[in-house]
Amino acid sequence: MQILFSFSVLLLLISMAAMADPTRPARGASQLSQPGAADVIMQLHLIRWQEHNAHAVINGRVLQVGDEVNGYRLQAIHPDHVQLEQAGVQRQLFLFQKMTHNDE
């Protein structure tokens, strides 16, 4: 009986691990916006405004304008995206995936 219970719990844990998180952004949704930037994958998780200070959470790190992450300097924080710069090349990370609607 104990073996059956243990096996049931194990199956439950395996099935829960395989389920997709419905709140997780679509794959690639917040990667770098330019096609040539696939070498360094960064994810924008959160933008927080607090009085006159803005913070962005990129790859799990809380950053302010001027901070660096993976060789990129955070140039600006906007309500829905951030701007990054590396060696004069501008990049953007978006908080949400842009959605399109096709009317047929």
Protein backbone atom coordinates (compact mmCIF):
# COMPACT_ATOMS: atom_id res chain seq x y z
CA MET A 1 0.00 0.00 0.00
CA GLN A 2 2.81 2.38 0.88
CA ILE A 3 4.56 1.62 -2.43
CA LEU A 4 1.35 2.38 -4.34
CA PHE A 5 0.96 5.69 -2.51
CA SER A 6 4.61 6.64 -3.18
CA PHE A 7 4.21 5.76 -6.85
CA SER A 8 1.02 7.86 -7.08
CA VAL A 9 2.78 10.85 -5.53
CA LEU A 10 5.71 10.44 -7.92
CA LEU A 11 3.36 10.35 -10.94
CA LEU A 12 1.56 13.44 -9.66
CA LEU A 13 4.83 15.36 -9.29
CA ILE A 14 5.97 14.35 -12.79
CA SER A 15 2.67 15.42 -14.35
CA MET A 16 2.74 18.76 -12.50
CA ALA A 17 6.28 19.44 -13.75
CA ALA A 18 5.18 18.81 -17.33
CA MET A 19 2.27 21.28 -17.18
CA ALA A 20 2.87 24.67 -18.78
CA ASP A 21 2.61 27.83 -16.71
CA PRO A 22 -0.22 29.90 -18.29
CA THR A 23 1.25 33.15 -16.93
CA ARG A 24 4.70 32.59 -18.44
CA PRO A 25 5.44 34.85 -21.43
CA ALA A 26 5.56 33.19 -24.83
CA ARG A 27 8.95 31.76 -25.76
CA GLY A 28 11.11 34.55 -27.16
CA ALA A 29 8.61 37.23 -26.14
CA SER A 30 11.11 39.37 -24.31
CA GLN A 31 14.31 38.48 -26.04
CA LEU A 32 16.34 41.14 -27.75
CA SER A 33 14.34 42.78 -30.51
CA GLN A 34 16.99 42.72 -33.23
CA PRO A 35 17.51 39.46 -35.14
CA GLY A 36 21.32 39.52 -34.87
CA ALA A 37 21.25 39.62 -31.09
CA ALA A 38 20.42 35.95 -30.54
CA ASP A 39 23.89 35.30 -29.07
CA VAL A 40 22.88 36.83 -25.73
CA ILE A 41 19.38 35.97 -24.52
CA MET A 42 18.03 38.36 -21.94
CA GLN A 43 14.56 38.50 -20.47
CA LEU A 44 12.83 41.56 -19.12
CA HIS A 45 10.74 40.33 -16.19
CA LEU A 46 9.50 43.50 -14.53
CA ILE A 47 9.52 47.29 -14.74
CA ARG A 48 8.93 49.15 -11.48
CA TRP A 49 8.36 52.88 -11.06
CA GLN A 50 8.81 54.30 -7.58
CA GLU A 51 8.42 58.08 -7.31
CA HIS A 52 11.20 59.41 -9.58
CA ASN A 53 13.18 56.17 -9.80
CA ALA A 54 12.63 53.38 -12.30
CA HIS A 55 13.99 49.85 -11.99
CA ALA A 56 13.95 46.94 -14.40
CA VAL A 57 14.44 43.28 -13.60
CA ILE A 58 16.45 41.64 -16.39
CA ASN A 59 17.55 38.00 -16.02
CA GLY A 60 16.58 38.16 -12.36
CA ARG A 61 18.74 41.24 -11.57
CA VAL A 62 17.27 44.57 -10.40
CA LEU A 63 18.85 47.31 -12.54
CA GLN A 64 18.73 51.09 -12.87
CA VAL A 65 19.68 53.28 -15.82
CA GLY A 66 23.45 53.07 -16.22
CA ASP A 67 23.81 49.53 -14.87
CA GLU A 68 25.26 46.73 -17.01
CA VAL A 69 23.96 43.26 -17.76
CA ASN A 70 25.69 40.75 -20.06
CA GLY A 71 27.88 43.48 -21.55
CA TYR A 72 24.94 45.82 -22.28
CA ARG A 73 24.40 49.16 -20.53
CA LEU A 74 20.82 50.02 -19.57
CA GLN A 75 20.16 53.34 -21.32
CA ALA A 76 16.47 54.00 -20.59
CA ILE A 77 13.46 52.47 -18.87
CA HIS A 78 10.03 53.02 -20.45
CA PRO A 79 6.62 51.77 -19.27
CA ASP A 80 6.64 48.73 -21.59
CA HIS A 81 10.28 48.27 -22.62
CA VAL A 82 13.90 49.11 -21.87
CA GLN A 83 16.70 50.33 -24.13
CA LEU A 84 20.13 48.76 -23.96
CA GLU A 85 23.39 49.72 -25.66
CA GLN A 86 26.59 47.84 -26.40
CA ALA A 87 29.40 49.30 -28.51
CA GLY A 88 27.07 51.89 -30.07
CA VAL A 89 24.39 49.35 -31.02
CA GLN A 90 20.95 50.02 -29.53
CA ARG A 91 18.74 47.10 -28.41
CA GLN A 92 15.29 46.91 -26.86
CA LEU A 93 13.65 44.41 -24.53
CA PHE A 94 9.86 44.45 -24.38
CA LEU A 95 7.86 43.52 -21.31
CA PHE A 96 5.02 41.94 -23.27
CA GLN A 97 4.91 40.16 -26.59
CA LYS A 98 3.26 42.27 -29.27
CA MET A 99 -0.01 40.71 -30.37
CA THR A 100 -1.59 40.89 -33.79
CA HIS A 101 -5.14 40.21 -34.87
CA ASN A 102 -5.95 38.89 -38.33
CA ASP A 103 -9.42 39.75 -39.60
CA GLU A 104 -10.59 37.36 -42.25
